[in-house]
N, C-alpha and C. Protein backbone atom coordinates (compact mmCIF):
# COMPACT_ATOMS: atom_id res chain seq x y z
N UNK A 1 -11.14 -19.04 -29.57
CA UNK A 1 -11.19 -19.82 -28.25
C UNK A 1 -11.55 -18.98 -27.07
N UNK A 2 -12.65 -19.46 -26.69
CA UNK A 2 -13.62 -18.66 -25.44
C UNK A 2 -12.65 -18.09 -24.55
N UNK A 3 -13.12 -17.37 -23.62
CA UNK A 3 -12.48 -16.78 -22.12
C UNK A 3 -11.93 -17.60 -21.33
N UNK A 4 -13.12 -18.58 -21.19
CA UNK A 4 -11.96 -19.74 -20.35
C UNK A 4 -11.04 -20.65 -20.95
N UNK A 5 -10.96 -20.91 -22.02
CA UNK A 5 -9.92 -21.47 -22.83
C UNK A 5 -8.94 -20.66 -23.02
N UNK A 6 -8.95 -19.74 -23.27
CA UNK A 6 -7.87 -18.56 -23.46
C UNK A 6 -6.91 -18.22 -22.01
N UNK A 7 -7.70 -18.34 -20.85
CA UNK A 7 -6.71 -18.12 -19.62
C UNK A 7 -6.82 -19.53 -18.71
N UNK A 8 -5.85 -18.95 -17.85
CA UNK A 8 -5.46 -20.24 -17.12
C UNK A 8 -5.48 -19.63 -15.59
N UNK A 9 -6.57 -20.66 -14.55
CA UNK A 9 -6.50 -19.90 -13.10
C UNK A 9 -5.29 -20.44 -12.38
N UNK A 10 -4.51 -19.44 -11.83
CA UNK A 10 -3.15 -19.66 -10.71
C UNK A 10 -3.37 -19.35 -9.81
N UNK A 11 -2.55 -19.74 -8.79
CA UNK A 11 -2.75 -18.98 -7.40
C UNK A 11 -2.74 -17.84 -7.05
N UNK A 12 -1.98 -16.72 -8.38
CA UNK A 12 -2.14 -15.39 -8.39
C UNK A 12 -2.93 -14.81 -9.10
N UNK A 13 -4.17 -15.46 -9.58
CA UNK A 13 -4.71 -14.76 -10.20
C UNK A 13 -5.24 -15.74 -11.88
N UNK A 14 -6.26 -15.32 -12.48
CA UNK A 14 -6.09 -15.53 -13.72
C UNK A 14 -5.42 -15.15 -14.99
N UNK A 15 -4.82 -15.83 -15.45
CA UNK A 15 -3.69 -15.56 -16.52
C UNK A 15 -3.97 -15.51 -18.12
N UNK A 16 -3.69 -14.81 -18.93
CA UNK A 16 -3.40 -15.01 -20.16
C UNK A 16 -2.78 -16.61 -20.54
N UNK A 17 -3.77 -17.42 -21.13
CA UNK A 17 -2.90 -18.57 -21.29
C UNK A 17 -1.45 -18.52 -22.34
N UNK A 18 -1.42 -17.98 -23.43
CA UNK A 18 -0.82 -18.00 -24.31
C UNK A 18 0.54 -16.96 -24.00
N UNK A 19 0.22 -15.73 -23.08
CA UNK A 19 1.08 -14.99 -22.85
C UNK A 19 2.17 -15.91 -21.63
N UNK A 20 1.48 -16.67 -20.64
CA UNK A 20 1.75 -17.29 -19.63
C UNK A 20 2.98 -18.64 -20.49
N UNK A 21 2.32 -19.35 -21.56
CA UNK A 21 3.33 -20.09 -22.21
C UNK A 21 4.64 -19.66 -22.83
N UNK A 22 4.26 -18.42 -23.09
CA UNK A 22 5.67 -17.68 -23.39
C UNK A 22 6.94 -17.45 -23.01
N UNK A 23 5.93 -16.92 -21.84
CA UNK A 23 6.69 -16.44 -20.44
C UNK A 23 7.68 -17.38 -19.80
N UNK A 24 6.60 -18.67 -19.99
CA UNK A 24 7.50 -19.97 -19.12
C UNK A 24 8.74 -20.22 -20.02
N UNK A 25 8.54 -19.59 -21.42
CA UNK A 25 9.89 -20.15 -22.11
C UNK A 25 11.10 -19.23 -22.52
N UNK A 26 10.47 -18.11 -21.93
CA UNK A 26 11.40 -16.89 -22.30
C UNK A 26 11.85 -15.89 -21.60
N UNK A 27 10.93 -15.76 -20.10
CA UNK A 27 10.98 -14.88 -19.27
C UNK A 27 12.20 -15.75 -17.86
N UNK A 28 13.14 -14.78 -17.70
CA UNK A 28 14.09 -15.32 -16.65
C UNK A 28 13.67 -14.57 -15.63
N UNK A 29 13.32 -14.90 -14.59
CA UNK A 29 12.63 -14.58 -13.22
C UNK A 29 13.75 -13.77 -12.51
N UNK A 30 15.02 -14.02 -12.97
CA UNK A 30 16.20 -13.78 -12.16
C UNK A 30 16.61 -12.01 -12.30
N UNK A 31 15.69 -11.81 -13.64
CA UNK A 31 15.65 -10.45 -13.77
C UNK A 31 15.36 -9.64 -12.76
N UNK A 32 14.36 -9.78 -11.77
CA UNK A 32 14.01 -9.18 -10.58
C UNK A 32 14.61 -9.49 -9.85
N UNK A 33 15.35 -10.40 -9.57
CA UNK A 33 16.49 -10.53 -8.33
C UNK A 33 17.37 -9.58 -8.50
N UNK A 34 18.03 -9.06 -10.17
CA UNK A 34 18.79 -8.53 -10.42
C UNK A 34 18.25 -7.06 -10.36
N UNK A 35 17.34 -6.53 -10.71
CA UNK A 35 16.51 -5.11 -10.07
C UNK A 35 16.75 -4.99 -8.19
N UNK A 36 16.59 -5.94 -7.85
CA UNK A 36 16.29 -5.71 -6.28
C UNK A 36 17.74 -5.35 -6.10
N UNK A 37 18.88 -6.20 -6.93
CA UNK A 37 20.14 -5.52 -6.25
C UNK A 37 20.64 -4.41 -6.60
N UNK A 38 20.63 -3.76 -7.91
CA UNK A 38 20.72 -2.73 -8.36
C UNK A 38 19.74 -1.78 -7.76
N UNK A 39 18.68 -1.59 -7.27
CA UNK A 39 18.08 -0.96 -6.56
C UNK A 39 18.62 -0.53 -5.07
N UNK A 40 19.22 -1.81 -4.54
CA UNK A 40 20.04 -1.69 -3.51
C UNK A 40 21.36 -0.98 -3.64
N UNK A 41 21.64 -1.19 -4.68
CA UNK A 41 22.87 -0.06 -4.99
C UNK A 41 22.95 1.25 -5.24
N UNK A 42 21.69 1.37 -5.92
CA UNK A 42 21.42 2.83 -6.14
C UNK A 42 21.27 3.55 -5.28
N UNK A 43 20.11 3.13 -4.08
CA UNK A 43 19.93 3.71 -3.05
C UNK A 43 20.90 4.28 -2.04
N UNK A 44 22.25 2.97 -1.68
CA UNK A 44 23.47 3.11 -1.44
C UNK A 44 24.33 4.44 -1.79
N UNK A 45 24.04 4.37 -3.07
CA UNK A 45 24.92 5.78 -3.98
C UNK A 45 24.54 6.53 -3.37
N UNK A 46 23.06 6.82 -3.86
CA UNK A 46 22.49 7.97 -3.59
C UNK A 46 22.49 8.70 -2.64
N UNK A 47 23.16 7.78 -1.37
CA UNK A 47 23.15 8.12 0.25
C UNK A 47 24.28 8.45 0.71
N UNK A 48 25.85 8.31 -0.40
CA UNK A 48 27.29 8.36 0.15
C UNK A 48 27.07 9.69 0.24
N UNK A 49 28.19 10.22 1.03
CA UNK A 49 28.79 11.41 1.09
C UNK A 49 28.67 12.65 -0.14
N UNK A 50 29.17 11.34 -1.18
CA UNK A 50 29.28 12.58 -2.34
C UNK A 50 28.09 12.32 -3.47
N UNK A 51 27.04 11.24 -3.10
CA UNK A 51 25.82 10.92 -3.90
C UNK A 51 24.78 11.75 -4.35
N UNK A 52 23.82 11.30 -4.91
CA UNK A 52 22.73 12.40 -5.16
C UNK A 52 22.13 13.14 -4.15
N UNK A 53 21.81 12.53 -2.84
CA UNK A 53 20.97 13.62 -1.80
C UNK A 53 22.19 14.86 -1.29
N UNK A 54 23.08 14.42 -0.90
CA UNK A 54 24.37 15.65 -0.80
C UNK A 54 24.56 16.62 -2.11
N UNK A 55 24.71 16.21 -3.29
CA UNK A 55 24.55 16.82 -4.55
C UNK A 55 23.57 17.78 -4.58
N UNK A 56 21.94 17.06 -4.08
CA UNK A 56 21.07 18.29 -4.08
C UNK A 56 20.62 19.16 -2.61
N UNK A 57 21.29 18.39 -1.73
CA UNK A 57 21.35 19.65 -0.68
C UNK A 57 22.46 20.75 -1.10
N UNK A 58 23.43 20.54 -1.57
CA UNK A 58 24.66 21.35 -1.92
C UNK A 58 23.72 22.62 -2.72
N UNK A 59 23.31 21.77 -4.18
CA UNK A 59 22.67 22.42 -4.80
C UNK A 59 21.51 23.63 -4.43
N UNK A 60 20.66 23.06 -3.44
CA UNK A 60 19.52 24.09 -2.99
C UNK A 60 20.60 24.94 -2.21
N UNK A 61 21.58 24.67 -1.37
CA UNK A 61 22.30 25.86 -0.84
C UNK A 61 22.87 26.89 -1.98
N UNK A 62 23.24 26.53 -2.73
CA UNK A 62 23.56 27.56 -3.79
C UNK A 62 22.43 28.25 -4.12
N UNK A 63 21.70 27.58 -5.02
CA UNK A 63 20.58 28.11 -5.24
C UNK A 63 20.19 29.13 -4.29
N UNK A 64 19.70 28.43 -3.08
CA UNK A 64 18.86 29.37 -2.12
C UNK A 64 19.66 30.73 -1.76
N UNK A 65 21.45 30.86 -1.85
CA UNK A 65 22.06 31.89 -1.52
C UNK A 65 21.90 32.84 -3.11
N UNK A 66 22.02 32.99 -4.11
CA UNK A 66 22.33 33.33 -5.47
C UNK A 66 20.55 33.72 -5.57
N UNK A 67 19.43 32.94 -5.80
CA UNK A 67 18.10 33.27 -5.65
C UNK A 67 17.38 33.89 -4.69
N UNK A 68 17.63 33.74 -3.56
CA UNK A 68 16.29 34.22 -2.22
C UNK A 68 17.53 34.93 -1.42
N UNK A 69 18.87 35.13 -2.22
CA UNK A 69 19.68 36.17 -0.87
C UNK A 69 20.06 35.56 -0.07
N UNK A 70 19.81 34.45 0.53
CA UNK A 70 20.12 33.78 1.56
C UNK A 70 21.90 33.81 1.73
N UNK A 71 21.90 33.60 3.33
CA UNK A 71 23.34 33.94 3.51
C UNK A 71 24.07 32.53 2.70
N UNK A 72 25.43 32.44 2.52
CA UNK A 72 26.38 31.32 2.25
C UNK A 72 25.81 30.16 3.34
N UNK A 73 25.12 28.29 2.49
CA UNK A 73 25.23 27.65 3.65
C UNK A 73 26.53 26.64 3.07
N UNK A 74 26.90 26.90 1.66
CA UNK A 74 27.49 25.96 1.33
C UNK A 74 29.03 26.72 0.83
N UNK A 75 29.94 25.73 1.07
CA UNK A 75 31.47 26.13 0.55
C UNK A 75 31.34 26.73 -0.99
N UNK A 76 32.36 27.53 -1.27
CA UNK A 76 32.60 28.19 -2.38
C UNK A 76 33.61 27.87 -2.99
N UNK A 77 34.23 26.75 -2.76
CA UNK A 77 35.83 26.22 -3.32
C UNK A 77 35.47 25.32 -4.24
N UNK A 78 33.84 24.60 -4.38
CA UNK A 78 33.82 23.77 -5.13
C UNK A 78 33.23 23.92 -6.89
N UNK A 79 32.30 23.01 -7.08
CA UNK A 79 31.50 23.31 -8.52
C UNK A 79 31.17 24.73 -8.44
N UNK A 80 30.90 25.49 -9.70
CA UNK A 80 29.81 26.40 -9.62
C UNK A 80 28.34 25.89 -9.47
N UNK A 81 27.76 26.68 -9.53
CA UNK A 81 25.84 26.63 -9.43
C UNK A 81 25.64 25.73 -10.78
N UNK A 82 25.91 25.95 -12.09
CA UNK A 82 25.71 25.12 -13.10
C UNK A 82 26.03 24.42 -13.47
N UNK A 83 27.75 24.17 -12.97
CA UNK A 83 28.15 22.84 -12.66
C UNK A 83 27.51 21.93 -12.05
N UNK A 84 26.85 22.27 -10.84
CA UNK A 84 26.65 21.16 -9.95
C UNK A 84 25.13 21.08 -10.62
N UNK A 85 24.73 22.02 -11.23
CA UNK A 85 23.41 21.30 -11.54
C UNK A 85 23.45 20.63 -12.80
N UNK A 86 24.37 20.76 -13.64
CA UNK A 86 24.65 19.57 -14.47
C UNK A 86 24.96 18.21 -14.34
N UNK A 87 26.13 18.30 -13.12
CA UNK A 87 26.09 17.02 -12.52
C UNK A 87 24.78 16.24 -11.91
N UNK A 88 23.89 17.28 -11.34
CA UNK A 88 22.71 16.62 -10.66
C UNK A 88 21.92 16.22 -12.01
N UNK A 89 21.80 16.62 -12.72
CA UNK A 89 20.80 16.25 -13.95
C UNK A 89 21.59 14.77 -14.67
N UNK A 90 22.58 14.71 -14.81
CA UNK A 90 23.55 13.56 -15.41
C UNK A 90 22.87 12.43 -14.22
N UNK A 91 23.17 12.67 -13.08
CA UNK A 91 22.94 11.92 -12.17
C UNK A 91 21.34 11.00 -12.53
N UNK A 92 20.21 12.48 -12.28
CA UNK A 92 19.28 11.83 -12.45
C UNK A 92 18.65 10.82 -13.69
N UNK A 93 19.63 11.72 -15.00
CA UNK A 93 19.16 10.98 -16.27
C UNK A 93 19.74 9.78 -16.37
N UNK A 94 20.57 9.23 -15.49
CA UNK A 94 21.42 7.84 -15.48
C UNK A 94 20.04 7.15 -14.72
N UNK A 95 19.65 7.61 -13.68
CA UNK A 95 18.82 6.97 -12.69
C UNK A 95 17.41 6.34 -13.57
N UNK A 96 16.70 7.81 -14.30
CA UNK A 96 15.87 7.29 -15.58
C UNK A 96 16.06 6.01 -16.31
N UNK A 97 17.41 6.31 -17.06
CA UNK A 97 17.41 5.11 -17.63
C UNK A 97 17.75 3.77 -16.95
N UNK A 98 17.78 3.61 -16.19
CA UNK A 98 17.94 2.25 -15.03
C UNK A 98 16.62 2.02 -14.96
N UNK A 99 15.46 2.99 -14.36
CA UNK A 99 14.48 2.91 -13.99
C UNK A 99 13.61 2.15 -15.50
N UNK A 100 13.60 3.11 -16.33
CA UNK A 100 13.23 2.75 -17.49
C UNK A 100 13.42 1.17 -17.88
N UNK A 101 15.06 0.70 -17.63
CA UNK A 101 15.31 -0.65 -18.10
C UNK A 101 14.75 -1.65 -17.14
N UNK A 102 14.55 -1.40 -15.83
CA UNK A 102 13.78 -2.09 -15.05
C UNK A 102 12.01 -2.10 -15.56
N UNK A 103 11.68 -1.17 -16.08
CA UNK A 103 10.31 -1.29 -16.74
C UNK A 103 9.85 -2.23 -17.92
N UNK A 104 10.93 -2.18 -18.59
CA UNK A 104 11.04 -3.26 -19.77
C UNK A 104 11.10 -4.66 -19.61
N UNK A 105 12.07 -4.98 -18.00
CA UNK A 105 12.36 -6.35 -17.91
C UNK A 105 10.91 -6.57 -17.29
N UNK A 106 10.24 -5.76 -16.73
CA UNK A 106 8.52 -6.32 -15.63
C UNK A 106 7.82 -6.24 -16.82
N UNK A 107 7.61 -5.67 -17.61
CA UNK A 107 6.39 -5.41 -18.79
C UNK A 107 5.83 -6.84 -19.31
N UNK A 108 6.71 -7.83 -19.36
CA UNK A 108 6.32 -8.97 -19.68
C UNK A 108 5.31 -9.48 -18.88
N UNK A 109 5.38 -9.58 -17.36
CA UNK A 109 4.56 -10.22 -16.77
C UNK A 109 3.35 -9.23 -16.60
N UNK A 110 3.33 -8.36 -16.83
CA UNK A 110 2.08 -7.36 -17.07
C UNK A 110 1.15 -7.90 -18.46
N UNK A 111 1.69 -8.32 -19.12
CA UNK A 111 0.96 -9.15 -20.55
C UNK A 111 0.58 -10.49 -20.00
N UNK A 112 0.46 -10.96 -18.86
CA UNK A 112 -0.05 -11.83 -18.33
C UNK A 112 -1.40 -11.59 -18.17
N UNK A 113 -1.87 -10.62 -17.78
CA UNK A 113 -3.19 -10.08 -17.33
C UNK A 113 -4.25 -10.69 -18.47
N UNK A 114 -5.29 -11.40 -17.74
CA UNK A 114 -6.27 -12.17 -18.72
C UNK A 114 -6.95 -11.08 -19.28
N UNK A 115 -7.00 -11.52 -21.13
CA UNK A 115 -7.46 -10.33 -22.05
C UNK A 115 -6.82 -9.45 -21.88
N UNK A 116 -5.52 -9.04 -22.10
CA UNK A 116 -4.59 -8.35 -22.15
C UNK A 116 -4.46 -8.33 -23.76
């Protein structure tokens, strides 16, 4: 098949014809809307009073005190510094897992590139 026969012109650029035909039968575009909803939820959760943003600020305050000798800026009656670090790592790893899932959902659209 020549280059012109293996691609198709669309309003959004020239696409690989075979990949487009496969996507038209297998790809669920609502996956992108699900990503939008999940992103919105992730942002809201991260910004909550006990979310990742606050956890990172607390962790910084603890580390700044212990490592740099700064005065106490975070209450001392909660998690220890290592416990909070572990919680932050867990939250970030969960976000990474979600982001990797999104990449897998979007990759089929990248394969539409002509000559891919």
